[in-house]
Structures are given as C-alpha cells and as structure tokens.
Amino acid sequence: MAGAFLACFIAISTLFLVGYANYLSVALGENLLEGNKLEEAGAGFHQRWLLGLAAVGLVLYVISTILFPRAKRAYLEK
C-alpha cells in the first residue's frame, strides 16, 4: 500500500510541476490575455488527473489507517 500511495504522490507532483512549467512558459513568454491563451494555460494542469490521483491516494490512506491497528494487534498477539 505504501508503494501505491508513493506512486500516486509522485504522479501528482510530476503532473503539477509539468503543468506549472507550461503555465510559466506561457505566462512569461506571451501576453496571457490574447486569444485563448489563458484557457490553454489553465488546461495544462490536468485537473481531472490530479483530482483522480488525489482521490486514489486518499482512499489508500483511509484503508491503511483502518488496517494498521488490526495488523499491529495481530502482531502483538503472536
């Protein structure tokens, strides 16, 4: 579970940093208010992917929070 949570965290971080780099290149290189550049800059963050991966990470966190005390109790009973 830790590996899956870590994979979600790395994927979210990577998507955010790539989106932020794209946003900065558009924002600093050109006039953001011309045409539809503002919408294109915002779309670079891939909000659905970020929210989906965050939801998966949250579910993994909740599951591990529930299962950890059970595993600890079973280990101590041995």
PDB file of N, CA and C in Angstrom:
ATOM      1  N   MET A   1       0.822  -1.194   0.000  1.00  0.00           N
ATOM      2  CA  MET A   1       0.000   0.000   0.000  1.00  0.00           C
ATOM      3  C   MET A   1       0.864   1.255   0.000  1.00  0.00           C
ATOM      4  N   ALA A   2       1.980   1.178   0.681  1.00  0.00           N
ATOM      5  CA  ALA A   2       2.857   2.344   0.715  1.00  0.00           C
ATOM      6  C   ALA A   2       3.405   2.645  -0.675  1.00  0.00           C
ATOM      7  N   GLY A   3       3.697   1.605  -1.433  1.00  0.00           N
ATOM      8  CA  GLY A   3       4.201   1.795  -2.787  1.00  0.00           C
ATOM      9  C   GLY A   3       3.162   2.456  -3.685  1.00  0.00           C
ATOM     10  N   ALA A   4       1.910   2.022  -3.566  1.00  0.00           N
ATOM     11  CA  ALA A   4       0.838   2.618  -4.368  1.00  0.00           C
ATOM     12  C   ALA A   4       0.614   4.080  -3.968  1.00  0.00           C
ATOM     13  N   PHE A   5       0.653   4.355  -2.664  1.00  0.00           N
ATOM     14  CA  PHE A   5       0.490   5.733  -2.206  1.00  0.00           C
ATOM     15  C   PHE A   5       1.643   6.604  -2.700  1.00  0.00           C
ATOM     16  N   LEU A   6       2.850   6.081  -2.629  1.00  0.00           N
ATOM     17  CA  LEU A   6       4.017   6.819  -3.102  1.00  0.00           C
ATOM     18  C   LEU A   6       3.947   7.064  -4.610  1.00  0.00           C
ATOM     19  N   ALA A   7       3.461   6.082  -5.356  1.00  0.00           N
ATOM     20  CA  ALA A   7       3.302   6.249  -6.806  1.00  0.00           C
ATOM     21  C   ALA A   7       2.292   7.350  -7.116  1.00  0.00           C
ATOM     22  N   CYS A   8       1.195   7.401  -6.374  1.00  0.00           N
ATOM     23  CA  CYS A   8       0.205   8.479  -6.559  1.00  0.00           C
ATOM     24  C   CYS A   8       0.826   9.833  -6.240  1.00  0.00           C
ATOM     25  N   PHE A   9       1.592   9.894  -5.169  1.00  0.00           N
ATOM     26  CA  PHE A   9       2.215  11.157  -4.781  1.00  0.00           C
ATOM     27  C   PHE A   9       3.196  11.639  -5.837  1.00  0.00           C
ATOM     28  N   ILE A  10       4.014  10.721  -6.351  1.00  0.00           N
ATOM     29  CA  ILE A  10       4.988  11.097  -7.381  1.00  0.00           C
ATOM     30  C   ILE A  10       4.282  11.523  -8.660  1.00  0.00           C
ATOM     31  N   ALA A  11       3.214  10.817  -9.029  1.00  0.00           N
ATOM     32  CA  ALA A  11       2.468  11.176 -10.238  1.00  0.00           C
ATOM     33  C   ALA A  11       1.824  12.546 -10.099  1.00  0.00           C
ATOM     34  N   ILE A  12       1.240  12.823  -8.946  1.00  0.00           N
ATOM     35  CA  ILE A  12       0.622  14.136  -8.710  1.00  0.00           C
ATOM     36  C   ILE A  12       1.680  15.229  -8.762  1.00  0.00           C
ATOM     37  N   SER A  13       2.795  15.002  -8.110  1.00  0.00           N
ATOM     38  CA  SER A  13       3.866  16.004  -8.101  1.00  0.00           C
ATOM     39  C   SER A  13       4.384  16.274  -9.508  1.00  0.00           C
ATOM     40  N   THR A  14       4.579  15.205 -10.279  1.00  0.00           N
ATOM     41  CA  THR A  14       5.073  15.352 -11.643  1.00  0.00           C
ATOM     42  C   THR A  14       4.082  16.102 -12.516  1.00  0.00           C
ATOM     43  N   LEU A  15       2.810  15.714 -12.458  1.00  0.00           N
ATOM     44  CA  LEU A  15       1.790  16.407 -13.252  1.00  0.00           C
ATOM     45  C   LEU A  15       1.701  17.882 -12.882  1.00  0.00           C
ATOM     46  N   PHE A  16       1.757  18.174 -11.597  1.00  0.00           N
ATOM     47  CA  PHE A  16       1.667  19.566 -11.172  1.00  0.00           C
ATOM     48  C   PHE A  16       2.870  20.366 -11.640  1.00  0.00           C
ATOM     49  N   LEU A  17       4.063  19.813 -11.482  1.00  0.00           N
ATOM     50  CA  LEU A  17       5.267  20.558 -11.873  1.00  0.00           C
ATOM     51  C   LEU A  17       5.341  20.771 -13.382  1.00  0.00           C
ATOM     52  N   VAL A  18       4.944  19.779 -14.168  1.00  0.00           N
ATOM     53  CA  VAL A  18       4.925  19.937 -15.620  1.00  0.00           C
ATOM     54  C   VAL A  18       3.888  20.985 -16.022  1.00  0.00           C
ATOM     55  N   GLY A  19       2.716  20.934 -15.411  1.00  0.00           N
ATOM     56  CA  GLY A  19       1.682  21.932 -15.689  1.00  0.00           C
ATOM     57  C   GLY A  19       2.117  23.331 -15.287  1.00  0.00           C
ATOM     58  N   TYR A  20       2.788  23.427 -14.163  1.00  0.00           N
ATOM     59  CA  TYR A  20       3.255  24.737 -13.700  1.00  0.00           C
ATOM     60  C   TYR A  20       4.339  25.287 -14.618  1.00  0.00           C
ATOM     61  N   ALA A  21       5.210  24.407 -15.100  1.00  0.00           N
ATOM     62  CA  ALA A  21       6.249  24.844 -16.044  1.00  0.00           C
ATOM     63  C   ALA A  21       5.622  25.335 -17.346  1.00  0.00           C
ATOM     64  N   ASN A  22       4.604  24.620 -17.825  1.00  0.00           N
ATOM     65  CA  ASN A  22       3.901  25.071 -19.035  1.00  0.00           C
ATOM     66  C   ASN A  22       3.212  26.412 -18.805  1.00  0.00           C
ATOM     67  N   TYR A  23       2.600  26.559 -17.650  1.00  0.00           N
ATOM     68  CA  TYR A  23       1.924  27.814 -17.326  1.00  0.00           C
ATOM     69  C   TYR A  23       2.921  28.975 -17.291  1.00  0.00           C
ATOM     70  N   LEU A  24       4.055  28.745 -16.647  1.00  0.00           N
ATOM     71  CA  LEU A  24       5.055  29.811 -16.571  1.00  0.00           C
ATOM     72  C   LEU A  24       5.615  30.169 -17.947  1.00  0.00           C
ATOM     73  N   SER A  25       5.802  29.173 -18.805  1.00  0.00           N
ATOM     74  CA  SER A  25       6.324  29.475 -20.137  1.00  0.00           C
ATOM     75  C   SER A  25       5.330  30.298 -20.941  1.00  0.00           C
ATOM     76  N   VAL A  26       4.039  30.023 -20.785  1.00  0.00           N
ATOM     77  CA  VAL A  26       3.025  30.811 -21.491  1.00  0.00           C
ATOM     78  C   VAL A  26       2.889  32.186 -20.849  1.00  0.00           C
ATOM     79  N   ALA A  27       2.894  32.231 -19.522  1.00  0.00           N
ATOM     80  CA  ALA A  27       2.669  33.490 -18.818  1.00  0.00           C
ATOM     81  C   ALA A  27       3.827  34.458 -18.994  1.00  0.00           C
ATOM     82  N   LEU A  28       5.044  33.958 -18.997  1.00  0.00           N
ATOM     83  CA  LEU A  28       6.199  34.842 -19.084  1.00  0.00           C
ATOM     84  C   LEU A  28       6.586  35.147 -20.531  1.00  0.00           C
ATOM     85  N   GLY A  29       6.232  34.264 -21.440  1.00  0.00           N
ATOM     86  CA  GLY A  29       6.664  34.432 -22.816  1.00  0.00           C
ATOM     87  C   GLY A  29       5.732  35.280 -23.664  1.00  0.00           C
ATOM     88  N   GLU A  30       4.464  35.270 -23.353  1.00  0.00           N
ATOM     89  CA  GLU A  30       3.483  35.939 -24.208  1.00  0.00           C
ATOM     90  C   GLU A  30       2.469  36.678 -23.348  1.00  0.00           C
ATOM     91  N   ASN A  31       1.622  37.431 -24.011  1.00  0.00           N
ATOM     92  CA  ASN A  31       0.531  38.105 -23.322  1.00  0.00           C
ATOM     93  C   ASN A  31      -0.579  37.097 -23.083  1.00  0.00           C
ATOM     94  N   LEU A  32      -0.887  36.846 -21.838  1.00  0.00           N
ATOM     95  CA  LEU A  32      -1.865  35.833 -21.474  1.00  0.00           C
ATOM     96  C   LEU A  32      -3.278  36.193 -21.896  1.00  0.00           C
ATOM     97  N   LEU A  33      -3.565  37.470 -22.059  1.00  0.00           N
ATOM     98  CA  LEU A  33      -4.927  37.887 -22.340  1.00  0.00           C
ATOM     99  C   LEU A  33      -5.261  37.888 -23.828  1.00  0.00           C
ATOM    100  N   GLU A  34      -4.318  37.539 -24.679  1.00  0.00           N
ATOM    101  CA  GLU A  34      -4.583  37.478 -26.109  1.00  0.00           C
ATOM    102  C   GLU A  34      -5.193  36.133 -26.468  1.00  0.00           C
ATOM    103  N   GLY A  35      -6.260  36.168 -27.241  1.00  0.00           N
ATOM    104  CA  GLY A  35      -6.887  34.942 -27.728  1.00  0.00           C
ATOM    105  C   GLY A  35      -7.340  34.039 -26.598  1.00  0.00           C
ATOM    106  N   ASN A  36      -7.084  32.762 -26.750  1.00  0.00           N
ATOM    107  CA  ASN A  36      -7.493  31.793 -25.724  1.00  0.00           C
ATOM    108  C   ASN A  36      -6.294  31.237 -24.963  1.00  0.00           C
ATOM    109  N   LYS A  37      -5.248  31.998 -24.838  1.00  0.00           N
ATOM    110  CA  LYS A  37      -4.026  31.547 -24.163  1.00  0.00           C
ATOM    111  C   LYS A  37      -4.249  31.318 -22.670  1.00  0.00           C
ATOM    112  N   LEU A  38      -5.133  32.094 -22.076  1.00  0.00           N
ATOM    113  CA  LEU A  38      -5.413  31.926 -20.651  1.00  0.00           C
ATOM    114  C   LEU A  38      -6.058  30.566 -20.387  1.00  0.00           C
ATOM    115  N   GLU A  39      -6.994  30.165 -21.247  1.00  0.00           N
ATOM    116  CA  GLU A  39      -7.635  28.860 -21.096  1.00  0.00           C
ATOM    117  C   GLU A  39      -6.645  27.731 -21.344  1.00  0.00           C
ATOM    118  N   GLU A  40      -5.775  27.901 -22.331  1.00  0.00           N
ATOM    119  CA  GLU A  40      -4.772  26.883 -22.617  1.00  0.00           C
ATOM    120  C   GLU A  40      -3.793  26.736 -21.453  1.00  0.00           C
ATOM    121  N   ALA A  41      -3.457  27.834 -20.830  1.00  0.00           N
ATOM    122  CA  ALA A  41      -2.525  27.779 -19.699  1.00  0.00           C
ATOM    123  C   ALA A  41      -3.147  27.042 -18.518  1.00  0.00           C
ATOM    124  N   GLY A  42      -4.417  27.271 -18.272  1.00  0.00           N
ATOM    125  CA  GLY A  42      -5.093  26.588 -17.173  1.00  0.00           C
ATOM    126  C   GLY A  42      -5.313  25.112 -17.444  1.00  0.00           C
ATOM    127  N   ALA A  43      -5.499  24.746 -18.705  1.00  0.00           N
ATOM    128  CA  ALA A  43      -5.733  23.345 -19.063  1.00  0.00           C
ATOM    129  C   ALA A  43      -4.468  22.507 -18.911  1.00  0.00           C
ATOM    130  N   GLY A  44      -3.324  23.134 -18.836  1.00  0.00           N
ATOM    131  CA  GLY A  44      -2.068  22.406 -18.702  1.00  0.00           C
ATOM    132  C   GLY A  44      -1.901  21.714 -17.366  1.00  0.00           C
ATOM    133  N   PHE A  45      -2.743  22.030 -16.405  1.00  0.00           N
ATOM    134  CA  PHE A  45      -2.623  21.416 -15.082  1.00  0.00           C
ATOM    135  C   PHE A  45      -3.304  20.051 -14.982  1.00  0.00           C
ATOM    136  N   HIS A  46      -4.093  19.655 -15.963  1.00  0.00           N
ATOM    137  CA  HIS A  46      -4.760  18.346 -15.976  1.00  0.00           C
ATOM    138  C   HIS A  46      -5.513  18.109 -14.668  1.00  0.00           C
ATOM    139  N   GLN A  47      -6.504  18.955 -14.420  1.00  0.00           N
ATOM    140  CA  GLN A  47      -7.203  18.919 -13.138  1.00  0.00           C
ATOM    141  C   GLN A  47      -7.878  17.586 -12.859  1.00  0.00           C
ATOM    142  N   ARG A  48      -8.436  16.957 -13.874  1.00  0.00           N
ATOM    143  CA  ARG A  48      -9.120  15.671 -13.638  1.00  0.00           C
ATOM    144  C   ARG A  48      -8.139  14.590 -13.207  1.00  0.00           C
ATOM    145  N   TRP A  49      -6.968  14.557 -13.841  1.00  0.00           N
ATOM    146  CA  TRP A  49      -5.954  13.595 -13.434  1.00  0.00           C
ATOM    147  C   TRP A  49      -5.487  13.866 -12.009  1.00  0.00           C
ATOM    148  N   LEU A  50      -5.264  15.144 -11.695  1.00  0.00           N
ATOM    149  CA  LEU A  50      -4.812  15.488 -10.345  1.00  0.00           C
ATOM    150  C   LEU A  50      -5.852  15.103  -9.299  1.00  0.00           C
ATOM    151  N   LEU A  51      -7.112  15.400  -9.570  1.00  0.00           N
ATOM    152  CA  LEU A  51      -8.172  15.057  -8.611  1.00  0.00           C
ATOM    153  C   LEU A  51      -8.345  13.544  -8.493  1.00  0.00           C
ATOM    154  N   GLY A  52      -8.261  12.829  -9.603  1.00  0.00           N
ATOM    155  CA  GLY A  52      -8.384  11.376  -9.563  1.00  0.00           C
ATOM    156  C   GLY A  52      -7.269  10.722  -8.779  1.00  0.00           C
ATOM    157  N   LEU A  53      -6.043  11.152  -9.025  1.00  0.00           N
ATOM    158  CA  LEU A  53      -4.916  10.591  -8.272  1.00  0.00           C
ATOM    159  C   LEU A  53      -4.979  10.969  -6.793  1.00  0.00           C
ATOM    160  N   ALA A  54      -5.441  12.178  -6.501  1.00  0.00           N
ATOM    161  CA  ALA A  54      -5.599  12.580  -5.100  1.00  0.00           C
ATOM    162  C   ALA A  54      -6.668  11.737  -4.416  1.00  0.00           C
ATOM    163  N   ALA A  55      -7.738  11.420  -5.131  1.00  0.00           N
ATOM    164  CA  ALA A  55      -8.795  10.574  -4.562  1.00  0.00           C
ATOM    165  C   ALA A  55      -8.277   9.162  -4.292  1.00  0.00           C
ATOM    166  N   VAL A  56      -7.498   8.614  -5.221  1.00  0.00           N
ATOM    167  CA  VAL A  56      -6.918   7.290  -5.014  1.00  0.00           C
ATOM    168  C   VAL A  56      -5.972   7.308  -3.812  1.00  0.00           C
ATOM    169  N   GLY A  57      -5.165   8.348  -3.699  1.00  0.00           N
ATOM    170  CA  GLY A  57      -4.272   8.476  -2.548  1.00  0.00           C
ATOM    171  C   GLY A  57      -5.035   8.578  -1.244  1.00  0.00           C
ATOM    172  N   LEU A  58      -6.137   9.307  -1.253  1.00  0.00           N
ATOM    173  CA  LEU A  58      -6.957   9.444  -0.050  1.00  0.00           C
ATOM    174  C   LEU A  58      -7.585   8.106   0.337  1.00  0.00           C
ATOM    175  N   VAL A  59      -8.079   7.365  -0.637  1.00  0.00           N
ATOM    176  CA  VAL A  59      -8.656   6.044  -0.356  1.00  0.00           C
ATOM    177  C   VAL A  59      -7.591   5.109   0.211  1.00  0.00           C
ATOM    178  N   LEU A  60      -6.401   5.121  -0.359  1.00  0.00           N
ATOM    179  CA  LEU A  60      -5.316   4.294   0.169  1.00  0.00           C
ATOM    180  C   LEU A  60      -4.957   4.693   1.597  1.00  0.00           C
ATOM    181  N   TYR A  61      -4.970   5.983   1.872  1.00  0.00           N
ATOM    182  CA  TYR A  61      -4.676   6.462   3.224  1.00  0.00           C
ATOM    183  C   TYR A  61      -5.727   5.964   4.222  1.00  0.00           C
ATOM    184  N   VAL A  62      -6.996   6.069   3.844  1.00  0.00           N
ATOM    185  CA  VAL A  62      -8.067   5.636   4.749  1.00  0.00           C
ATOM    186  C   VAL A  62      -7.994   4.132   4.987  1.00  0.00           C
ATOM    187  N   ILE A  63      -7.760   3.374   3.924  1.00  0.00           N
ATOM    188  CA  ILE A  63      -7.654   1.917   4.071  1.00  0.00           C
ATOM    189  C   ILE A  63      -6.488   1.553   4.984  1.00  0.00           C
ATOM    190  N   SER A  64      -5.346   2.195   4.794  1.00  0.00           N
ATOM    191  CA  SER A  64      -4.192   1.870   5.640  1.00  0.00           C
ATOM    192  C   SER A  64      -4.417   2.315   7.078  1.00  0.00           C
ATOM    193  N   THR A  65      -5.153   3.394   7.277  1.00  0.00           N
ATOM    194  CA  THR A  65      -5.470   3.845   8.636  1.00  0.00           C
ATOM    195  C   THR A  65      -6.356   2.835   9.347  1.00  0.00           C
ATOM    196  N   ILE A  66      -7.227   2.180   8.607  1.00  0.00           N
ATOM    197  CA  ILE A  66      -8.103   1.168   9.200  1.00  0.00           C
ATOM    198  C   ILE A  66      -7.344  -0.134   9.426  1.00  0.00           C
ATOM    199  N   LEU A  67      -6.521  -0.541   8.472  1.00  0.00           N
ATOM    200  CA  LEU A  67      -5.863  -1.835   8.559  1.00  0.00           C
ATOM    201  C   LEU A  67      -4.639  -1.857   9.473  1.00  0.00           C
ATOM    202  N   PHE A  68      -3.979  -0.733   9.681  1.00  0.00           N
ATOM    203  CA  PHE A  68      -2.768  -0.721  10.506  1.00  0.00           C
ATOM    204  C   PHE A  68      -3.024  -1.173  11.943  1.00  0.00           C
ATOM    205  N   PRO A  69      -4.045  -0.651  12.639  1.00  0.00           N
ATOM    206  CA  PRO A  69      -4.267  -1.133  14.017  1.00  0.00           C
ATOM    207  C   PRO A  69      -4.584  -2.629  14.073  1.00  0.00           C
ATOM    208  N   ARG A  70      -5.285  -3.134  13.050  1.00  0.00           N
ATOM    209  CA  ARG A  70      -5.577  -4.570  13.029  1.00  0.00           C
ATOM    210  C   ARG A  70      -4.288  -5.381  12.878  1.00  0.00           C
ATOM    211  N   ALA A  71      -3.427  -4.952  11.994  1.00  0.00           N
ATOM    212  CA  ALA A  71      -2.166  -5.667  11.788  1.00  0.00           C
ATOM    213  C   ALA A  71      -1.289  -5.573  13.030  1.00  0.00           C
ATOM    214  N   LYS A  72      -1.282  -4.435  13.675  1.00  0.00           N
ATOM    215  CA  LYS A  72      -0.479  -4.255  14.889  1.00  0.00           C
ATOM    216  C   LYS A  72      -1.002  -5.159  16.000  1.00  0.00           C
ATOM    217  N   ARG A  73      -2.320  -5.227  16.146  1.00  0.00           N
ATOM    218  CA  ARG A  73      -2.928  -6.071  17.167  1.00  0.00           C
ATOM    219  C   ARG A  73      -2.603  -7.552  16.901  1.00  0.00           C
ATOM    220  N   ALA A  74      -2.689  -7.966  15.640  1.00  0.00           N
ATOM    221  CA  ALA A  74      -2.398  -9.360  15.299  1.00  0.00           C
ATOM    222  C   ALA A  74      -0.924  -9.682  15.551  1.00  0.00           C
ATOM    223  N   TYR A  75      -0.060  -8.727  15.288  1.00  0.00           N
ATOM    224  CA  TYR A  75       1.381  -8.935  15.513  1.00  0.00           C
ATOM    225  C   TYR A  75       1.683  -9.054  17.013  1.00  0.00           C
ATOM    226  N   LEU A  76       1.042  -8.225  17.813  1.00  0.00           N
ATOM    227  CA  LEU A  76       1.292  -8.250  19.259  1.00  0.00           C
ATOM    228  C   LEU A  76       0.706  -9.496  19.926  1.00  0.00           C
ATOM    229  N   GLU A  77      -0.312 -10.095  19.340  1.00  0.00           N
ATOM    230  CA  GLU A  77      -0.914 -11.288  19.913  1.00  0.00           C
ATOM    231  C   GLU A  77      -0.065 -12.529  19.704  1.00  0.00           C
ATOM    232  N   LYS A  78       0.866 -12.481  18.768  1.00  0.00           N
ATOM    233  CA  LYS A  78       1.715 -13.660  18.491  1.00  0.00           C
ATOM    234  C   LYS A  78       2.696 -13.921  19.581  1.00  0.00           C
TER     235      LYS A  78
END
